[in-house]
Amino acid sequence: MKLMTSFAALCAVSCIGFSASAQESWYGAFGGGIGQQSVEFEDEGEDINTWNLEGVAVVPLGERFSVRVDASYTGVSEDDFSGNVTSGSAHLIMRDDSYALGGYIGFGSAEDVSTLIAGGEAAWFLGPSTIALGAGYGQADVDDDSIDVYGVNGEYRFFFTEDFRLDARLGYQGASESGE
């Protein structure tokens, strides 16, 4: 159950991510990465290695609003297990030249775990850098159990060019049995 709860939390935070478009027409992007997460549950810790592929499409709705749809596929491994996490989300975003605000609903799936999460997000645009924050809460179904999942995520992005950026992410995710 501990490992499945960890995956539920990973699904939750996988849906939290933010960027907004200043484009006049739709655009898309893709990327990938590697990482390590330390998960603690009932006073036991696990180090989880991850790799991911992700894609996004943004469609403007007038001058200040847009819809973003994204999806990711993450490979996960730790000492006793390896598996995959699939997640996606839809965002409604309002932005101007210096900031963006939005909300989202997302899903995640890993092994016998499925999650549904909703949350809010914000970003500040500082020249070639962007600082983004997000938070979300939702429910995960693990076998026959229902689990509350929550997470916060921060990102720093540096744009070397308009089409090339590097991201640094830091987040916290948690899970507890519903009603506890």
N, C-alpha and C. Protein backbone atom coordinates (compact mmCIF):
# COMPACT_ATOMS: atom_id res chain seq x y z
N MET A 1 0.82 -1.19 0.00
CA MET A 1 0.00 0.00 0.00
C MET A 1 0.87 1.26 0.00
N LYS A 2 2.03 1.21 0.70
CA LYS A 2 2.89 2.39 0.78
C LYS A 2 3.33 2.82 -0.62
N LEU A 3 3.78 1.88 -1.45
CA LEU A 3 4.25 2.22 -2.77
C LEU A 3 3.12 2.75 -3.64
N MET A 4 1.94 2.15 -3.56
CA MET A 4 0.80 2.64 -4.34
C MET A 4 0.41 4.05 -3.90
N THR A 5 0.49 4.34 -2.59
CA THR A 5 0.20 5.68 -2.10
C THR A 5 1.23 6.66 -2.64
N SER A 6 2.49 6.25 -2.71
CA SER A 6 3.53 7.09 -3.27
C SER A 6 3.22 7.41 -4.73
N PHE A 7 2.77 6.41 -5.50
CA PHE A 7 2.42 6.65 -6.89
C PHE A 7 1.21 7.57 -7.01
N ALA A 8 0.26 7.46 -6.08
CA ALA A 8 -0.89 8.37 -6.10
C ALA A 8 -0.43 9.80 -5.92
N ALA A 9 0.50 10.02 -5.01
CA ALA A 9 1.03 11.37 -4.81
C ALA A 9 1.80 11.83 -6.04
N LEU A 10 2.57 10.94 -6.67
CA LEU A 10 3.28 11.28 -7.88
C LEU A 10 2.32 11.66 -8.99
N CYS A 11 1.22 10.93 -9.13
CA CYS A 11 0.20 11.28 -10.13
C CYS A 11 -0.34 12.67 -9.85
N ALA A 12 -0.56 12.99 -8.58
CA ALA A 12 -1.12 14.30 -8.22
C ALA A 12 -0.19 15.42 -8.64
N VAL A 13 1.07 15.32 -8.30
CA VAL A 13 1.98 16.41 -8.61
C VAL A 13 2.32 16.44 -10.09
N SER A 14 2.19 15.33 -10.79
CA SER A 14 2.45 15.32 -12.23
C SER A 14 1.48 16.22 -12.99
N CYS A 15 0.32 16.47 -12.43
CA CYS A 15 -0.67 17.32 -13.10
C CYS A 15 -0.41 18.79 -12.87
N ILE A 16 0.42 19.11 -11.90
CA ILE A 16 0.67 20.51 -11.58
C ILE A 16 1.81 21.00 -12.44
N GLY A 17 1.55 21.94 -13.30
CA GLY A 17 2.57 22.52 -14.15
C GLY A 17 1.97 23.71 -14.83
N PHE A 18 2.78 24.69 -15.20
CA PHE A 18 2.17 25.90 -15.70
C PHE A 18 3.06 26.57 -16.71
N SER A 19 2.48 27.00 -17.76
CA SER A 19 3.06 27.99 -18.64
C SER A 19 1.91 28.58 -19.41
N ALA A 20 2.11 29.71 -19.93
CA ALA A 20 1.04 30.37 -20.67
C ALA A 20 1.62 30.97 -21.94
N SER A 21 0.80 31.14 -22.90
CA SER A 21 1.25 31.57 -24.21
C SER A 21 0.96 33.04 -24.47
N ALA A 22 1.91 33.69 -25.09
CA ALA A 22 1.67 35.03 -25.58
C ALA A 22 1.43 34.99 -27.09
N GLN A 23 1.31 33.80 -27.64
CA GLN A 23 1.14 33.61 -29.07
C GLN A 23 -0.26 34.06 -29.50
N GLU A 24 -0.38 34.44 -30.76
CA GLU A 24 -1.68 34.81 -31.30
C GLU A 24 -2.41 33.61 -31.89
N SER A 25 -1.69 32.53 -32.19
CA SER A 25 -2.32 31.32 -32.69
C SER A 25 -1.86 30.16 -31.81
N TRP A 26 -2.46 29.01 -31.99
CA TRP A 26 -2.13 27.86 -31.15
C TRP A 26 -0.69 27.46 -31.39
N TYR A 27 -0.11 26.81 -30.38
CA TYR A 27 1.22 26.26 -30.53
C TYR A 27 1.35 25.03 -29.66
N GLY A 28 2.38 24.26 -29.92
CA GLY A 28 2.64 23.06 -29.13
C GLY A 28 4.12 22.93 -28.84
N ALA A 29 4.43 22.08 -27.88
CA ALA A 29 5.82 21.84 -27.51
C ALA A 29 5.94 20.44 -26.92
N PHE A 30 7.15 19.94 -26.85
CA PHE A 30 7.39 18.66 -26.21
C PHE A 30 8.72 18.73 -25.48
N GLY A 31 8.92 17.81 -24.56
CA GLY A 31 10.17 17.80 -23.80
C GLY A 31 10.33 16.50 -23.06
N GLY A 32 11.38 16.43 -22.27
CA GLY A 32 11.66 15.25 -21.48
C GLY A 32 12.59 15.60 -20.35
N GLY A 33 12.80 14.66 -19.44
CA GLY A 33 13.68 14.93 -18.32
C GLY A 33 13.92 13.69 -17.48
N ILE A 34 14.84 13.84 -16.53
CA ILE A 34 15.12 12.80 -15.55
C ILE A 34 15.09 13.44 -14.18
N GLY A 35 14.84 12.65 -13.14
CA GLY A 35 14.81 13.22 -11.81
C GLY A 35 14.80 12.16 -10.73
N GLN A 36 14.82 12.63 -9.49
CA GLN A 36 14.71 11.75 -8.35
C GLN A 36 13.79 12.40 -7.34
N GLN A 37 12.89 11.60 -6.77
CA GLN A 37 11.97 12.08 -5.75
C GLN A 37 12.18 11.27 -4.49
N SER A 38 12.18 11.95 -3.36
CA SER A 38 12.23 11.27 -2.06
C SER A 38 10.83 11.34 -1.48
N VAL A 39 10.23 10.18 -1.23
CA VAL A 39 8.86 10.10 -0.73
C VAL A 39 8.89 9.50 0.66
N GLU A 40 8.19 10.15 1.61
CA GLU A 40 8.11 9.62 2.96
C GLU A 40 6.67 9.29 3.28
N PHE A 41 6.44 8.10 3.82
CA PHE A 41 5.10 7.64 4.16
C PHE A 41 5.20 6.80 5.42
N GLU A 42 4.41 7.15 6.43
CA GLU A 42 4.42 6.43 7.70
C GLU A 42 5.84 6.24 8.21
N ASP A 43 6.61 7.35 8.23
CA ASP A 43 7.98 7.39 8.76
C ASP A 43 8.97 6.51 8.02
N GLU A 44 8.65 6.08 6.83
CA GLU A 44 9.58 5.34 5.98
C GLU A 44 9.82 6.14 4.71
N GLY A 45 11.06 6.18 4.26
CA GLY A 45 11.39 6.93 3.07
C GLY A 45 11.71 6.04 1.89
N GLU A 46 11.43 6.52 0.70
CA GLU A 46 11.74 5.84 -0.55
C GLU A 46 12.36 6.86 -1.50
N ASP A 47 13.41 6.49 -2.18
CA ASP A 47 13.96 7.30 -3.26
C ASP A 47 13.46 6.70 -4.57
N ILE A 48 12.82 7.53 -5.37
CA ILE A 48 12.23 7.08 -6.62
C ILE A 48 12.92 7.81 -7.76
N ASN A 49 13.48 7.07 -8.70
CA ASN A 49 14.09 7.64 -9.89
C ASN A 49 13.03 7.73 -10.98
N THR A 50 13.03 8.83 -11.73
CA THR A 50 12.02 9.03 -12.76
C THR A 50 12.66 9.53 -14.05
N TRP A 51 12.00 9.26 -15.15
CA TRP A 51 12.28 9.89 -16.43
C TRP A 51 10.92 10.22 -17.05
N ASN A 52 10.85 11.23 -17.88
CA ASN A 52 9.54 11.56 -18.44
C ASN A 52 9.64 12.15 -19.84
N LEU A 53 8.52 12.01 -20.54
CA LEU A 53 8.28 12.68 -21.81
C LEU A 53 6.99 13.45 -21.65
N GLU A 54 6.92 14.66 -22.18
CA GLU A 54 5.71 15.45 -22.01
C GLU A 54 5.45 16.31 -23.24
N GLY A 55 4.19 16.64 -23.43
CA GLY A 55 3.80 17.48 -24.55
C GLY A 55 2.69 18.42 -24.13
N VAL A 56 2.55 19.52 -24.85
CA VAL A 56 1.56 20.53 -24.52
C VAL A 56 1.05 21.20 -25.80
N ALA A 57 -0.21 21.59 -25.77
CA ALA A 57 -0.79 22.41 -26.83
C ALA A 57 -1.54 23.55 -26.15
N VAL A 58 -1.35 24.76 -26.66
CA VAL A 58 -2.01 25.96 -26.11
C VAL A 58 -2.81 26.62 -27.21
N VAL A 59 -4.08 26.91 -26.90
CA VAL A 59 -4.97 27.55 -27.86
C VAL A 59 -5.48 28.86 -27.26
N PRO A 60 -5.14 30.02 -27.84
CA PRO A 60 -5.61 31.30 -27.33
C PRO A 60 -7.12 31.44 -27.49
N LEU A 61 -7.75 32.09 -26.52
CA LEU A 61 -9.17 32.43 -26.56
C LEU A 61 -9.29 33.95 -26.41
N GLY A 62 -8.98 34.67 -27.44
CA GLY A 62 -8.96 36.11 -27.34
C GLY A 62 -7.59 36.61 -26.93
N GLU A 63 -7.55 37.87 -26.47
CA GLU A 63 -6.28 38.52 -26.18
C GLU A 63 -5.63 38.05 -24.88
N ARG A 64 -6.40 37.79 -23.82
CA ARG A 64 -5.82 37.49 -22.51
C ARG A 64 -6.04 36.05 -22.01
N PHE A 65 -6.88 35.29 -22.66
CA PHE A 65 -7.20 33.95 -22.17
C PHE A 65 -6.71 32.89 -23.13
N SER A 66 -6.42 31.71 -22.58
CA SER A 66 -6.05 30.57 -23.41
C SER A 66 -6.40 29.28 -22.67
N VAL A 67 -6.46 28.21 -23.44
CA VAL A 67 -6.66 26.87 -22.90
C VAL A 67 -5.38 26.09 -23.19
N ARG A 68 -4.91 25.39 -22.19
CA ARG A 68 -3.73 24.54 -22.35
C ARG A 68 -4.13 23.11 -22.06
N VAL A 69 -3.69 22.19 -22.91
CA VAL A 69 -3.90 20.76 -22.70
C VAL A 69 -2.52 20.10 -22.73
N ASP A 70 -2.22 19.31 -21.70
CA ASP A 70 -0.92 18.65 -21.69
C ASP A 70 -1.04 17.21 -21.26
N ALA A 71 0.00 16.45 -21.58
CA ALA A 71 0.05 15.03 -21.21
C ALA A 71 1.50 14.66 -20.95
N SER A 72 1.70 13.68 -20.07
CA SER A 72 3.05 13.20 -19.82
C SER A 72 3.04 11.69 -19.56
N TYR A 73 4.17 11.11 -19.82
CA TYR A 73 4.40 9.70 -19.57
C TYR A 73 5.70 9.61 -18.79
N THR A 74 5.65 9.02 -17.60
CA THR A 74 6.80 8.98 -16.71
C THR A 74 7.13 7.54 -16.36
N GLY A 75 8.39 7.18 -16.50
CA GLY A 75 8.88 5.89 -16.04
C GLY A 75 9.39 6.06 -14.62
N VAL A 76 9.06 5.12 -13.76
CA VAL A 76 9.39 5.20 -12.34
C VAL A 76 10.11 3.93 -11.92
N SER A 77 11.17 4.08 -11.12
CA SER A 77 11.83 2.90 -10.56
C SER A 77 12.34 3.20 -9.16
N GLU A 78 12.27 2.20 -8.33
CA GLU A 78 12.86 2.26 -6.99
C GLU A 78 13.35 0.85 -6.69
N ASP A 79 13.82 0.60 -5.49
CA ASP A 79 14.47 -0.68 -5.17
C ASP A 79 13.67 -1.91 -5.57
N ASP A 80 12.38 -1.94 -5.25
CA ASP A 80 11.57 -3.14 -5.44
C ASP A 80 10.56 -3.06 -6.57
N PHE A 81 10.55 -1.97 -7.32
CA PHE A 81 9.45 -1.81 -8.27
C PHE A 81 9.88 -0.90 -9.41
N SER A 82 9.33 -1.12 -10.57
CA SER A 82 9.40 -0.16 -11.67
C SER A 82 8.04 -0.15 -12.34
N GLY A 83 7.62 1.00 -12.81
CA GLY A 83 6.31 1.13 -13.44
C GLY A 83 6.23 2.43 -14.21
N ASN A 84 5.02 2.79 -14.60
CA ASN A 84 4.80 3.97 -15.42
C ASN A 84 3.65 4.80 -14.88
N VAL A 85 3.77 6.10 -15.06
CA VAL A 85 2.73 7.04 -14.67
C VAL A 85 2.30 7.80 -15.92
N THR A 86 1.02 7.80 -16.22
CA THR A 86 0.46 8.57 -17.32
C THR A 86 -0.41 9.66 -16.72
N SER A 87 -0.25 10.89 -17.18
CA SER A 87 -1.07 11.98 -16.63
C SER A 87 -1.40 12.98 -17.72
N GLY A 88 -2.44 13.75 -17.48
CA GLY A 88 -2.85 14.80 -18.40
C GLY A 88 -3.67 15.83 -17.65
N SER A 89 -3.78 17.01 -18.22
CA SER A 89 -4.57 18.05 -17.58
C SER A 89 -5.03 19.07 -18.61
N ALA A 90 -6.07 19.81 -18.23
CA ALA A 90 -6.59 20.91 -19.03
C ALA A 90 -6.60 22.15 -18.14
N HIS A 91 -6.11 23.26 -18.66
CA HIS A 91 -5.95 24.49 -17.90
C HIS A 91 -6.70 25.63 -18.59
N LEU A 92 -7.29 26.52 -17.81
CA LEU A 92 -7.82 27.78 -18.30
C LEU A 92 -6.91 28.86 -17.73
N ILE A 93 -6.33 29.69 -18.61
CA ILE A 93 -5.28 30.64 -18.21
C ILE A 93 -5.67 32.05 -18.61
N MET A 94 -5.43 33.00 -17.69
CA MET A 94 -5.54 34.43 -17.98
C MET A 94 -4.14 35.02 -17.80
N ARG A 95 -3.67 35.80 -18.76
CA ARG A 95 -2.31 36.34 -18.65
C ARG A 95 -2.20 37.74 -19.23
N ASP A 96 -1.17 38.45 -18.75
CA ASP A 96 -0.74 39.68 -19.39
C ASP A 96 0.78 39.58 -19.56
N ASP A 97 1.45 40.68 -19.80
CA ASP A 97 2.89 40.63 -20.08
C ASP A 97 3.75 40.27 -18.87
N SER A 98 3.24 40.47 -17.64
CA SER A 98 4.09 40.24 -16.47
C SER A 98 3.66 39.06 -15.60
N TYR A 99 2.44 38.56 -15.75
CA TYR A 99 1.99 37.45 -14.91
C TYR A 99 0.91 36.65 -15.63
N ALA A 100 0.62 35.47 -15.05
CA ALA A 100 -0.49 34.64 -15.53
C ALA A 100 -1.12 33.96 -14.32
N LEU A 101 -2.43 33.77 -14.37
CA LEU A 101 -3.18 33.05 -13.34
C LEU A 101 -4.06 32.02 -14.03
N GLY A 102 -4.29 30.89 -13.35
CA GLY A 102 -5.12 29.87 -13.97
C GLY A 102 -5.58 28.81 -13.01
N GLY A 103 -6.40 27.94 -13.54
CA GLY A 103 -6.88 26.79 -12.80
C GLY A 103 -6.84 25.58 -13.72
N TYR A 104 -6.87 24.39 -13.14
CA TYR A 104 -6.78 23.19 -13.96
C TYR A 104 -7.52 22.03 -13.31
N ILE A 105 -7.78 21.04 -14.15
CA ILE A 105 -8.26 19.74 -13.70
C ILE A 105 -7.40 18.71 -14.42
N GLY A 106 -7.00 17.66 -13.69
CA GLY A 106 -6.10 16.70 -14.28
C GLY A 106 -6.37 15.29 -13.80
N PHE A 107 -5.74 14.34 -14.47
CA PHE A 107 -5.87 12.94 -14.11
C PHE A 107 -4.48 12.32 -14.10
N GLY A 108 -4.38 11.20 -13.41
CA GLY A 108 -3.15 10.43 -13.41
C GLY A 108 -3.48 8.96 -13.27
N SER A 109 -2.61 8.12 -13.80
CA SER A 109 -2.83 6.68 -13.72
C SER A 109 -1.48 5.99 -13.60
N ALA A 110 -1.38 5.06 -12.63
CA ALA A 110 -0.17 4.27 -12.43
C ALA A 110 -0.56 2.93 -11.85
N GLU A 111 -0.19 1.84 -12.55
CA GLU A 111 -0.52 0.50 -12.07
C GLU A 111 -2.00 0.42 -11.68
N ASP A 112 -2.31 0.15 -10.41
CA ASP A 112 -3.70 0.05 -9.94
C ASP A 112 -4.18 1.33 -9.29
N VAL A 113 -3.58 2.46 -9.66
CA VAL A 113 -3.91 3.75 -9.06
C VAL A 113 -4.47 4.67 -10.14
N SER A 114 -5.56 5.38 -9.82
CA SER A 114 -6.04 6.44 -10.70
C SER A 114 -6.36 7.66 -9.84
N THR A 115 -6.05 8.84 -10.34
CA THR A 115 -6.27 10.07 -9.59
C THR A 115 -7.04 11.08 -10.42
N LEU A 116 -7.76 11.95 -9.73
CA LEU A 116 -8.41 13.12 -10.31
C LEU A 116 -8.08 14.28 -9.40
N ILE A 117 -7.54 15.36 -9.95
CA ILE A 117 -7.06 16.47 -9.13
C ILE A 117 -7.44 17.79 -9.79
N ALA A 118 -7.64 18.82 -8.96
CA ALA A 118 -7.91 20.17 -9.44
C ALA A 118 -7.06 21.14 -8.64
N GLY A 119 -6.75 22.29 -9.22
CA GLY A 119 -5.92 23.24 -8.48
C GLY A 119 -5.78 24.56 -9.19
N GLY A 120 -4.91 25.38 -8.64
CA GLY A 120 -4.64 26.70 -9.18
C GLY A 120 -3.16 26.86 -9.46
N GLU A 121 -2.83 27.88 -10.24
CA GLU A 121 -1.46 28.10 -10.64
C GLU A 121 -1.23 29.57 -10.96
N ALA A 122 0.02 30.00 -10.84
CA ALA A 122 0.40 31.38 -11.13
C ALA A 122 1.82 31.38 -11.68
N ALA A 123 2.13 32.39 -12.50
CA ALA A 123 3.47 32.54 -13.05
C ALA A 123 3.80 34.02 -13.17
N TRP A 124 5.09 34.32 -12.98
CA TRP A 124 5.59 35.68 -13.15
C TRP A 124 6.69 35.63 -14.18
N PHE A 125 6.61 36.56 -15.16
CA PHE A 125 7.54 36.59 -16.27
C PHE A 125 8.56 37.70 -16.02
N LEU A 126 9.83 37.34 -15.89
CA LEU A 126 10.90 38.26 -15.52
C LEU A 126 12.00 38.22 -16.57
N GLY A 127 11.77 38.89 -17.69
CA GLY A 127 12.75 38.86 -18.77
C GLY A 127 12.88 37.46 -19.32
N PRO A 128 14.12 36.91 -19.36
CA PRO A 128 14.29 35.55 -19.89
C PRO A 128 13.93 34.45 -18.88
N SER A 129 13.48 34.83 -17.70
CA SER A 129 13.15 33.87 -16.64
C SER A 129 11.66 33.87 -16.35
N THR A 130 11.17 32.72 -15.89
CA THR A 130 9.79 32.59 -15.41
C THR A 130 9.82 31.85 -14.09
N ILE A 131 9.06 32.34 -13.12
CA ILE A 131 8.85 31.65 -11.86
C ILE A 131 7.38 31.22 -11.83
N ALA A 132 7.13 29.95 -11.60
CA ALA A 132 5.76 29.42 -11.62
C ALA A 132 5.50 28.62 -10.35
N LEU A 133 4.28 28.75 -9.83
CA LEU A 133 3.84 28.02 -8.64
C LEU A 133 2.49 27.37 -8.92
N GLY A 134 2.27 26.20 -8.35
CA GLY A 134 0.98 25.53 -8.49
C GLY A 134 0.66 24.73 -7.24
N ALA A 135 -0.61 24.53 -6.99
CA ALA A 135 -1.06 23.71 -5.87
C ALA A 135 -2.32 22.98 -6.29
N GLY A 136 -2.49 21.75 -5.79
CA GLY A 136 -3.67 20.99 -6.16
C GLY A 136 -4.07 20.01 -5.09
N TYR A 137 -5.32 19.57 -5.18
CA TYR A 137 -5.89 18.60 -4.25
C TYR A 137 -6.82 17.70 -5.04
N GLY A 138 -6.87 16.42 -4.65
CA GLY A 138 -7.77 15.52 -5.36
C GLY A 138 -7.94 14.20 -4.64
N GLN A 139 -8.48 13.25 -5.38
CA GLN A 139 -8.75 11.91 -4.86
C GLN A 139 -8.06 10.88 -5.74
N ALA A 140 -7.55 9.84 -5.08
CA ALA A 140 -6.96 8.71 -5.79
C ALA A 140 -7.68 7.45 -5.37
N ASP A 141 -7.88 6.56 -6.32
CA ASP A 141 -8.43 5.25 -6.04
C ASP A 141 -7.30 4.24 -6.17
N VAL A 142 -6.99 3.56 -5.07
CA VAL A 142 -5.95 2.54 -5.04
C VAL A 142 -6.63 1.24 -4.66
N ASP A 143 -6.72 0.32 -5.62
CA ASP A 143 -7.48 -0.91 -5.40
C ASP A 143 -8.88 -0.52 -4.93
N ASP A 144 -9.26 -0.87 -3.69
CA ASP A 144 -10.59 -0.51 -3.18
C ASP A 144 -10.55 0.64 -2.19
N ASP A 145 -9.40 1.29 -2.03
CA ASP A 145 -9.26 2.38 -1.07
C ASP A 145 -9.30 3.73 -1.78
N SER A 146 -9.83 4.74 -1.08
CA SER A 146 -9.84 6.10 -1.57
C SER A 146 -8.81 6.90 -0.76
N ILE A 147 -7.99 7.67 -1.45
CA ILE A 147 -6.90 8.41 -0.82
C ILE A 147 -7.00 9.88 -1.22
N ASP A 148 -6.80 10.79 -0.24
CA ASP A 148 -6.67 12.21 -0.53
C ASP A 148 -5.25 12.46 -1.02
N VAL A 149 -5.10 13.19 -2.12
CA VAL A 149 -3.77 13.54 -2.63
C VAL A 149 -3.67 15.05 -2.74
N TYR A 150 -2.49 15.57 -2.51
CA TYR A 150 -2.27 17.00 -2.56
C TYR A 150 -0.82 17.25 -2.93
N GLY A 151 -0.57 18.42 -3.45
CA GLY A 151 0.80 18.74 -3.82
C GLY A 151 0.96 20.21 -4.12
N VAL A 152 2.19 20.67 -4.01
CA VAL A 152 2.60 22.01 -4.43
C VAL A 152 3.84 21.84 -5.28
N ASN A 153 4.03 22.73 -6.22
CA ASN A 153 5.13 22.62 -7.15
C ASN A 153 5.62 24.02 -7.49
N GLY A 154 6.91 24.20 -7.53
CA GLY A 154 7.51 25.45 -7.98
C GLY A 154 8.45 25.15 -9.13
N GLU A 155 8.51 26.08 -10.07
CA GLU A 155 9.41 25.92 -11.21
C GLU A 155 10.13 27.22 -11.49
N TYR A 156 11.38 27.08 -11.89
CA TYR A 156 12.14 28.21 -12.43
C TYR A 156 12.51 27.83 -13.85
N ARG A 157 12.24 28.72 -14.79
CA ARG A 157 12.56 28.45 -16.20
C ARG A 157 13.45 29.57 -16.72
N PHE A 158 14.47 29.16 -17.46
CA PHE A 158 15.32 30.14 -18.11
C PHE A 158 15.28 29.89 -19.61
N PHE A 159 14.91 30.91 -20.37
CA PHE A 159 14.80 30.82 -21.82
C PHE A 159 16.10 31.34 -22.44
N PHE A 160 16.89 30.41 -23.02
CA PHE A 160 18.09 30.81 -23.73
C PHE A 160 17.73 31.49 -25.05
N THR A 161 16.71 30.95 -25.71
CA THR A 161 16.13 31.56 -26.90
C THR A 161 14.61 31.40 -26.74
N GLU A 162 13.87 31.93 -27.67
CA GLU A 162 12.41 31.80 -27.62
C GLU A 162 11.96 30.33 -27.70
N ASP A 163 12.78 29.49 -28.34
CA ASP A 163 12.42 28.09 -28.55
C ASP A 163 13.22 27.09 -27.71
N PHE A 164 14.09 27.56 -26.80
CA PHE A 164 14.90 26.65 -25.99
C PHE A 164 14.96 27.15 -24.56
N ARG A 165 14.55 26.28 -23.62
CA ARG A 165 14.58 26.65 -22.21
C ARG A 165 15.05 25.48 -21.36
N LEU A 166 15.51 25.79 -20.16
CA LEU A 166 15.82 24.79 -19.15
C LEU A 166 14.92 25.07 -17.94
N ASP A 167 14.42 23.99 -17.33
CA ASP A 167 13.52 24.10 -16.18
C ASP A 167 14.16 23.46 -14.96
N ALA A 168 13.90 24.04 -13.80
CA ALA A 168 14.24 23.43 -12.52
C ALA A 168 12.94 23.37 -11.72
N ARG A 169 12.63 22.20 -11.16
CA ARG A 169 11.37 22.01 -10.45
C ARG A 169 11.64 21.53 -9.04
N LEU A 170 10.83 22.00 -8.12
CA LEU A 170 10.86 21.53 -6.74
C LEU A 170 9.42 21.41 -6.28
N GLY A 171 9.08 20.29 -5.67
CA GLY A 171 7.70 20.10 -5.27
C GLY A 171 7.57 19.25 -4.02
N TYR A 172 6.41 19.29 -3.46
CA TYR A 172 6.05 18.45 -2.32
C TYR A 172 4.71 17.82 -2.64
N GLN A 173 4.57 16.54 -2.43
CA GLN A 173 3.31 15.89 -2.62
C GLN A 173 3.03 14.98 -1.44
N GLY A 174 1.77 14.80 -1.14
CA GLY A 174 1.39 13.95 -0.03
C GLY A 174 0.13 13.19 -0.35
N ALA A 175 -0.11 12.19 0.46
CA ALA A 175 -1.31 11.38 0.32
C ALA A 175 -1.69 10.84 1.69
N SER A 176 -2.97 10.76 1.96
CA SER A 176 -3.46 10.15 3.19
C SER A 176 -4.78 9.49 2.90
N GLU A 177 -5.11 8.46 3.66
CA GLU A 177 -6.40 7.79 3.45
C GLU A 177 -7.51 8.77 3.71
N SER A 178 -8.55 8.76 2.88
CA SER A 178 -9.66 9.70 3.01
C SER A 178 -10.26 9.62 4.40
N GLY A 179 -10.53 10.79 4.95
CA GLY A 179 -11.15 10.86 6.27
C GLY A 179 -10.17 10.89 7.40
N GLU A 180 -8.85 10.83 7.11
CA GLU A 180 -7.86 10.86 8.19
C GLU A 180 -7.24 12.22 8.29
